[in-house]
N, C-alpha and C. Protein backbone atom coordinates (compact mmCIF):
# COMPACT_ATOMS: atom_id res chain seq x y z
N MET A 1 30.59 -39.60 -91.11
CA MET A 1 29.37 -39.98 -90.45
C MET A 1 28.46 -38.75 -90.27
N VAL A 2 29.07 -37.64 -89.85
CA VAL A 2 28.28 -36.43 -89.63
C VAL A 2 27.60 -36.00 -90.92
N LEU A 3 28.33 -36.02 -92.02
CA LEU A 3 27.75 -35.62 -93.31
C LEU A 3 26.57 -36.50 -93.69
N GLU A 4 26.75 -37.81 -93.53
CA GLU A 4 25.67 -38.74 -93.88
C GLU A 4 24.44 -38.52 -93.01
N LEU A 5 24.64 -38.32 -91.70
CA LEU A 5 23.50 -38.08 -90.81
C LEU A 5 22.78 -36.79 -91.19
N ARG A 6 23.54 -35.75 -91.47
CA ARG A 6 22.91 -34.47 -91.85
C ARG A 6 22.18 -34.59 -93.17
N GLU A 7 22.77 -35.28 -94.14
CA GLU A 7 22.10 -35.49 -95.42
C GLU A 7 20.81 -36.29 -95.25
N ALA A 8 20.76 -37.13 -94.23
CA ALA A 8 19.56 -37.92 -93.95
C ALA A 8 18.52 -37.11 -93.18
N GLY A 9 18.86 -35.85 -92.85
CA GLY A 9 17.89 -34.99 -92.20
C GLY A 9 18.03 -34.86 -90.69
N PHE A 10 19.08 -35.41 -90.14
CA PHE A 10 19.29 -35.32 -88.69
C PHE A 10 20.07 -34.06 -88.33
N SER A 11 19.79 -33.55 -87.15
CA SER A 11 20.58 -32.46 -86.58
C SER A 11 21.72 -33.11 -85.80
N VAL A 12 22.96 -32.71 -86.11
CA VAL A 12 24.12 -33.34 -85.46
C VAL A 12 25.04 -32.26 -84.92
N GLN A 13 25.38 -32.40 -83.65
CA GLN A 13 26.36 -31.51 -83.01
C GLN A 13 27.59 -32.33 -82.67
N GLN A 14 28.76 -31.80 -83.00
CA GLN A 14 30.02 -32.49 -82.72
C GLN A 14 30.68 -31.90 -81.48
N GLN A 15 31.38 -32.76 -80.73
CA GLN A 15 32.10 -32.36 -79.53
C GLN A 15 31.25 -31.48 -78.63
N ARG A 16 30.04 -31.96 -78.35
CA ARG A 16 29.04 -31.24 -77.56
C ARG A 16 29.48 -31.21 -76.10
N PRO A 17 29.73 -30.00 -75.56
CA PRO A 17 30.14 -29.94 -74.15
C PRO A 17 29.00 -30.29 -73.21
N ILE A 18 29.33 -31.00 -72.17
CA ILE A 18 28.38 -31.37 -71.14
C ILE A 18 29.00 -30.95 -69.81
N SER A 19 28.38 -30.03 -69.12
CA SER A 19 28.85 -29.63 -67.80
C SER A 19 27.92 -30.20 -66.75
N VAL A 20 28.49 -30.72 -65.69
CA VAL A 20 27.72 -31.24 -64.58
C VAL A 20 27.86 -30.24 -63.43
N TYR A 21 26.72 -29.78 -62.93
CA TYR A 21 26.70 -28.79 -61.86
C TYR A 21 26.22 -29.43 -60.57
N TYR A 22 26.80 -29.00 -59.47
CA TYR A 22 26.34 -29.40 -58.15
C TYR A 22 26.40 -28.16 -57.28
N LYS A 23 25.26 -27.78 -56.73
CA LYS A 23 25.16 -26.57 -55.91
C LYS A 23 25.69 -25.34 -56.65
N GLY A 24 25.35 -25.28 -57.94
CA GLY A 24 25.70 -24.12 -58.74
C GLY A 24 27.12 -24.07 -59.23
N LYS A 25 27.91 -25.11 -58.96
CA LYS A 25 29.31 -25.12 -59.39
C LYS A 25 29.57 -26.31 -60.31
N VAL A 26 30.41 -26.08 -61.30
CA VAL A 26 30.77 -27.16 -62.21
C VAL A 26 31.65 -28.16 -61.47
N VAL A 27 31.22 -29.42 -61.48
CA VAL A 27 31.99 -30.48 -60.83
C VAL A 27 32.58 -31.46 -61.85
N GLY A 28 32.23 -31.28 -63.11
CA GLY A 28 32.76 -32.14 -64.16
C GLY A 28 32.39 -31.61 -65.52
N GLU A 29 33.27 -31.86 -66.49
CA GLU A 29 32.99 -31.48 -67.86
C GLU A 29 33.35 -32.65 -68.78
N TYR A 30 32.47 -32.89 -69.74
CA TYR A 30 32.66 -33.96 -70.70
C TYR A 30 32.41 -33.40 -72.09
N PHE A 31 32.85 -34.13 -73.11
CA PHE A 31 32.55 -33.77 -74.49
C PHE A 31 32.04 -35.01 -75.21
N ALA A 32 30.77 -34.98 -75.56
CA ALA A 32 30.19 -36.09 -76.32
C ALA A 32 30.65 -35.95 -77.77
N ASP A 33 31.06 -37.05 -78.39
CA ASP A 33 31.52 -36.98 -79.78
C ASP A 33 30.42 -36.43 -80.68
N LEU A 34 29.22 -37.00 -80.58
CA LEU A 34 28.09 -36.54 -81.39
C LEU A 34 26.82 -36.52 -80.54
N LEU A 35 25.99 -35.53 -80.79
CA LEU A 35 24.64 -35.50 -80.23
C LEU A 35 23.70 -35.38 -81.42
N VAL A 36 22.86 -36.38 -81.60
CA VAL A 36 21.98 -36.44 -82.77
C VAL A 36 20.55 -36.11 -82.35
N ASP A 37 20.01 -35.07 -82.97
CA ASP A 37 18.64 -34.61 -82.70
C ASP A 37 18.35 -34.38 -81.22
N ASN A 38 19.37 -34.05 -80.47
CA ASN A 38 19.24 -33.85 -79.02
C ASN A 38 18.62 -35.06 -78.32
N LEU A 39 18.72 -36.23 -78.95
CA LEU A 39 18.10 -37.43 -78.41
C LEU A 39 19.07 -38.60 -78.22
N VAL A 40 20.16 -38.62 -78.99
CA VAL A 40 21.06 -39.77 -78.95
C VAL A 40 22.50 -39.27 -78.84
N LEU A 41 23.21 -39.74 -77.82
CA LEU A 41 24.63 -39.47 -77.68
C LEU A 41 25.39 -40.58 -78.39
N VAL A 42 26.34 -40.20 -79.23
CA VAL A 42 27.14 -41.18 -79.97
C VAL A 42 28.60 -41.00 -79.58
N GLU A 43 29.19 -42.07 -79.12
CA GLU A 43 30.61 -42.05 -78.76
C GLU A 43 31.35 -42.91 -79.78
N LEU A 44 32.37 -42.35 -80.41
CA LEU A 44 33.10 -43.01 -81.48
C LEU A 44 34.45 -43.49 -80.96
N LYS A 45 34.81 -44.70 -81.34
CA LYS A 45 36.09 -45.29 -80.94
C LYS A 45 36.77 -45.92 -82.15
N ALA A 46 38.10 -46.06 -82.08
CA ALA A 46 38.89 -46.79 -83.07
C ALA A 46 39.87 -47.66 -82.29
N ALA A 47 39.32 -48.61 -81.58
CA ALA A 47 40.10 -49.49 -80.70
C ALA A 47 40.07 -50.92 -81.22
N ALA A 48 40.95 -51.74 -80.69
CA ALA A 48 40.96 -53.15 -81.09
C ALA A 48 39.59 -53.79 -80.84
N LYS A 49 38.96 -53.41 -79.72
CA LYS A 49 37.63 -53.91 -79.40
C LYS A 49 37.00 -52.98 -78.37
N ILE A 50 35.71 -53.09 -78.20
CA ILE A 50 35.01 -52.33 -77.17
C ILE A 50 35.33 -52.96 -75.82
N VAL A 51 35.73 -52.12 -74.88
CA VAL A 51 36.04 -52.61 -73.54
C VAL A 51 35.08 -51.96 -72.54
N GLU A 52 35.09 -52.49 -71.34
CA GLU A 52 34.18 -52.02 -70.30
C GLU A 52 34.32 -50.52 -70.03
N ALA A 53 35.53 -49.99 -70.12
CA ALA A 53 35.74 -48.55 -69.88
C ALA A 53 35.01 -47.69 -70.90
N HIS A 54 34.93 -48.15 -72.15
CA HIS A 54 34.19 -47.41 -73.18
C HIS A 54 32.70 -47.37 -72.84
N GLU A 55 32.18 -48.50 -72.41
CA GLU A 55 30.77 -48.57 -72.04
C GLU A 55 30.48 -47.71 -70.82
N ALA A 56 31.38 -47.72 -69.84
CA ALA A 56 31.21 -46.90 -68.64
C ALA A 56 31.22 -45.42 -68.99
N GLN A 57 32.08 -45.03 -69.91
CA GLN A 57 32.13 -43.63 -70.35
C GLN A 57 30.78 -43.20 -70.93
N LEU A 58 30.20 -44.02 -71.79
CA LEU A 58 28.91 -43.69 -72.39
C LEU A 58 27.81 -43.62 -71.34
N ILE A 59 27.80 -44.57 -70.42
CA ILE A 59 26.79 -44.55 -69.35
C ILE A 59 26.93 -43.29 -68.51
N ASN A 60 28.16 -42.88 -68.21
CA ASN A 60 28.36 -41.66 -67.44
C ASN A 60 27.85 -40.43 -68.19
N TYR A 61 28.04 -40.38 -69.50
CA TYR A 61 27.51 -39.28 -70.30
C TYR A 61 25.98 -39.26 -70.23
N LEU A 62 25.38 -40.43 -70.33
CA LEU A 62 23.91 -40.50 -70.25
C LEU A 62 23.43 -40.10 -68.87
N ARG A 63 24.13 -40.54 -67.85
CA ARG A 63 23.77 -40.23 -66.47
C ARG A 63 23.83 -38.72 -66.23
N ALA A 64 24.75 -38.03 -66.89
CA ALA A 64 24.98 -36.60 -66.66
C ALA A 64 24.10 -35.69 -67.52
N THR A 65 23.22 -36.27 -68.32
CA THR A 65 22.38 -35.46 -69.20
C THR A 65 20.94 -35.95 -69.13
N ASN A 66 20.07 -35.26 -69.86
CA ASN A 66 18.69 -35.73 -69.96
C ASN A 66 18.51 -36.65 -71.17
N VAL A 67 19.61 -36.99 -71.85
CA VAL A 67 19.56 -37.91 -72.98
C VAL A 67 19.49 -39.33 -72.44
N GLU A 68 18.61 -40.13 -73.03
CA GLU A 68 18.39 -41.49 -72.51
C GLU A 68 19.03 -42.59 -73.36
N VAL A 69 19.39 -42.31 -74.61
CA VAL A 69 19.90 -43.34 -75.51
C VAL A 69 21.32 -42.97 -75.95
N GLY A 70 22.20 -43.97 -75.90
CA GLY A 70 23.56 -43.77 -76.35
C GLY A 70 24.01 -44.90 -77.26
N LEU A 71 24.85 -44.54 -78.22
CA LEU A 71 25.44 -45.53 -79.12
C LEU A 71 26.95 -45.45 -79.00
N LEU A 72 27.57 -46.59 -78.87
CA LEU A 72 29.01 -46.70 -78.85
C LEU A 72 29.41 -47.41 -80.14
N LEU A 73 30.13 -46.71 -81.01
CA LEU A 73 30.52 -47.26 -82.30
C LEU A 73 32.03 -47.40 -82.34
N ASN A 74 32.49 -48.62 -82.60
CA ASN A 74 33.92 -48.88 -82.69
C ASN A 74 34.28 -49.21 -84.13
N PHE A 75 35.24 -48.47 -84.68
CA PHE A 75 35.68 -48.66 -86.05
C PHE A 75 37.07 -49.30 -86.09
N GLY A 76 37.38 -50.10 -85.11
CA GLY A 76 38.68 -50.77 -85.03
C GLY A 76 38.78 -51.95 -85.97
N GLU A 77 39.65 -52.90 -85.63
CA GLU A 77 39.89 -54.08 -86.46
C GLU A 77 38.60 -54.76 -86.87
N LYS A 78 37.74 -54.99 -85.90
CA LYS A 78 36.44 -55.60 -86.17
C LYS A 78 35.37 -54.61 -85.72
N PRO A 79 34.74 -53.90 -86.66
CA PRO A 79 33.72 -52.92 -86.27
C PRO A 79 32.65 -53.54 -85.37
N ASP A 80 32.24 -52.79 -84.38
CA ASP A 80 31.26 -53.28 -83.41
C ASP A 80 30.47 -52.09 -82.88
N HIS A 81 29.40 -52.39 -82.19
CA HIS A 81 28.58 -51.32 -81.60
C HIS A 81 27.88 -51.84 -80.35
N LYS A 82 27.53 -50.90 -79.49
CA LYS A 82 26.72 -51.19 -78.30
C LYS A 82 25.68 -50.08 -78.19
N ARG A 83 24.51 -50.45 -77.78
CA ARG A 83 23.44 -49.48 -77.52
C ARG A 83 23.18 -49.49 -76.03
N LYS A 84 23.14 -48.29 -75.44
CA LYS A 84 22.91 -48.17 -74.01
C LYS A 84 21.69 -47.30 -73.77
N LEU A 85 20.92 -47.68 -72.77
CA LEU A 85 19.74 -46.94 -72.37
C LEU A 85 19.84 -46.63 -70.89
N PHE A 86 19.65 -45.37 -70.55
CA PHE A 86 19.67 -44.95 -69.15
C PHE A 86 18.54 -43.94 -69.00
N THR A 87 17.40 -44.42 -68.53
CA THR A 87 16.20 -43.58 -68.49
C THR A 87 16.30 -42.50 -67.43
N ASN A 88 15.63 -41.40 -67.69
CA ASN A 88 15.72 -40.24 -66.80
C ASN A 88 15.22 -40.55 -65.39
N ASP A 89 14.30 -41.49 -65.24
CA ASP A 89 13.81 -41.81 -63.90
C ASP A 89 14.87 -42.55 -63.06
N GLN A 90 15.96 -43.00 -63.68
CA GLN A 90 17.04 -43.68 -62.97
C GLN A 90 18.15 -42.71 -62.55
N LYS A 91 18.08 -41.48 -63.01
CA LYS A 91 19.18 -40.54 -62.82
C LYS A 91 19.08 -39.82 -61.48
N PRO A 92 20.24 -39.50 -60.92
CA PRO A 92 20.24 -38.79 -59.63
C PRO A 92 19.67 -37.39 -59.78
N LEU A 93 19.21 -36.84 -58.71
CA LEU A 93 18.61 -35.51 -58.72
C LEU A 93 19.70 -34.45 -58.56
N LEU A 94 20.52 -34.31 -59.57
CA LEU A 94 21.53 -33.27 -59.63
C LEU A 94 21.08 -32.23 -60.64
N SER A 95 21.56 -31.04 -60.50
CA SER A 95 21.31 -30.00 -61.50
C SER A 95 22.30 -30.22 -62.63
N VAL A 96 21.84 -30.85 -63.70
CA VAL A 96 22.72 -31.21 -64.81
C VAL A 96 22.23 -30.48 -66.04
N LEU A 97 23.15 -29.78 -66.70
CA LEU A 97 22.79 -28.98 -67.85
C LEU A 97 23.80 -29.15 -68.96
N PHE A 98 23.34 -29.02 -70.20
CA PHE A 98 24.25 -28.87 -71.34
C PHE A 98 24.69 -27.43 -71.37
N ASP A 99 25.96 -27.19 -71.66
CA ASP A 99 26.41 -25.82 -71.90
C ASP A 99 25.72 -25.32 -73.16
N GLN A 100 25.41 -24.05 -73.18
CA GLN A 100 24.77 -23.46 -74.36
C GLN A 100 25.81 -22.86 -75.27
């Protein structure tokens, strides 16, 4: 997938660390499977089906960053996908940063 996205002209980062800070201290760390053009978080799964926990994970990643669009792609028995949107105006006022 990464090769195809890059060949199509997209910037793709794999296993992008996401640190959540509160009062200057890290309170959580996540790793997004893919970050495309710094605009879309992509979470990849190989499960029997997409379950609520997968969707919650993606929403939490969106909540913890300034990224507003997420894709959940499942390559299990029956391939499936979900698109999630979490706009920045809905996010809590925490100091949230991507690790550099």
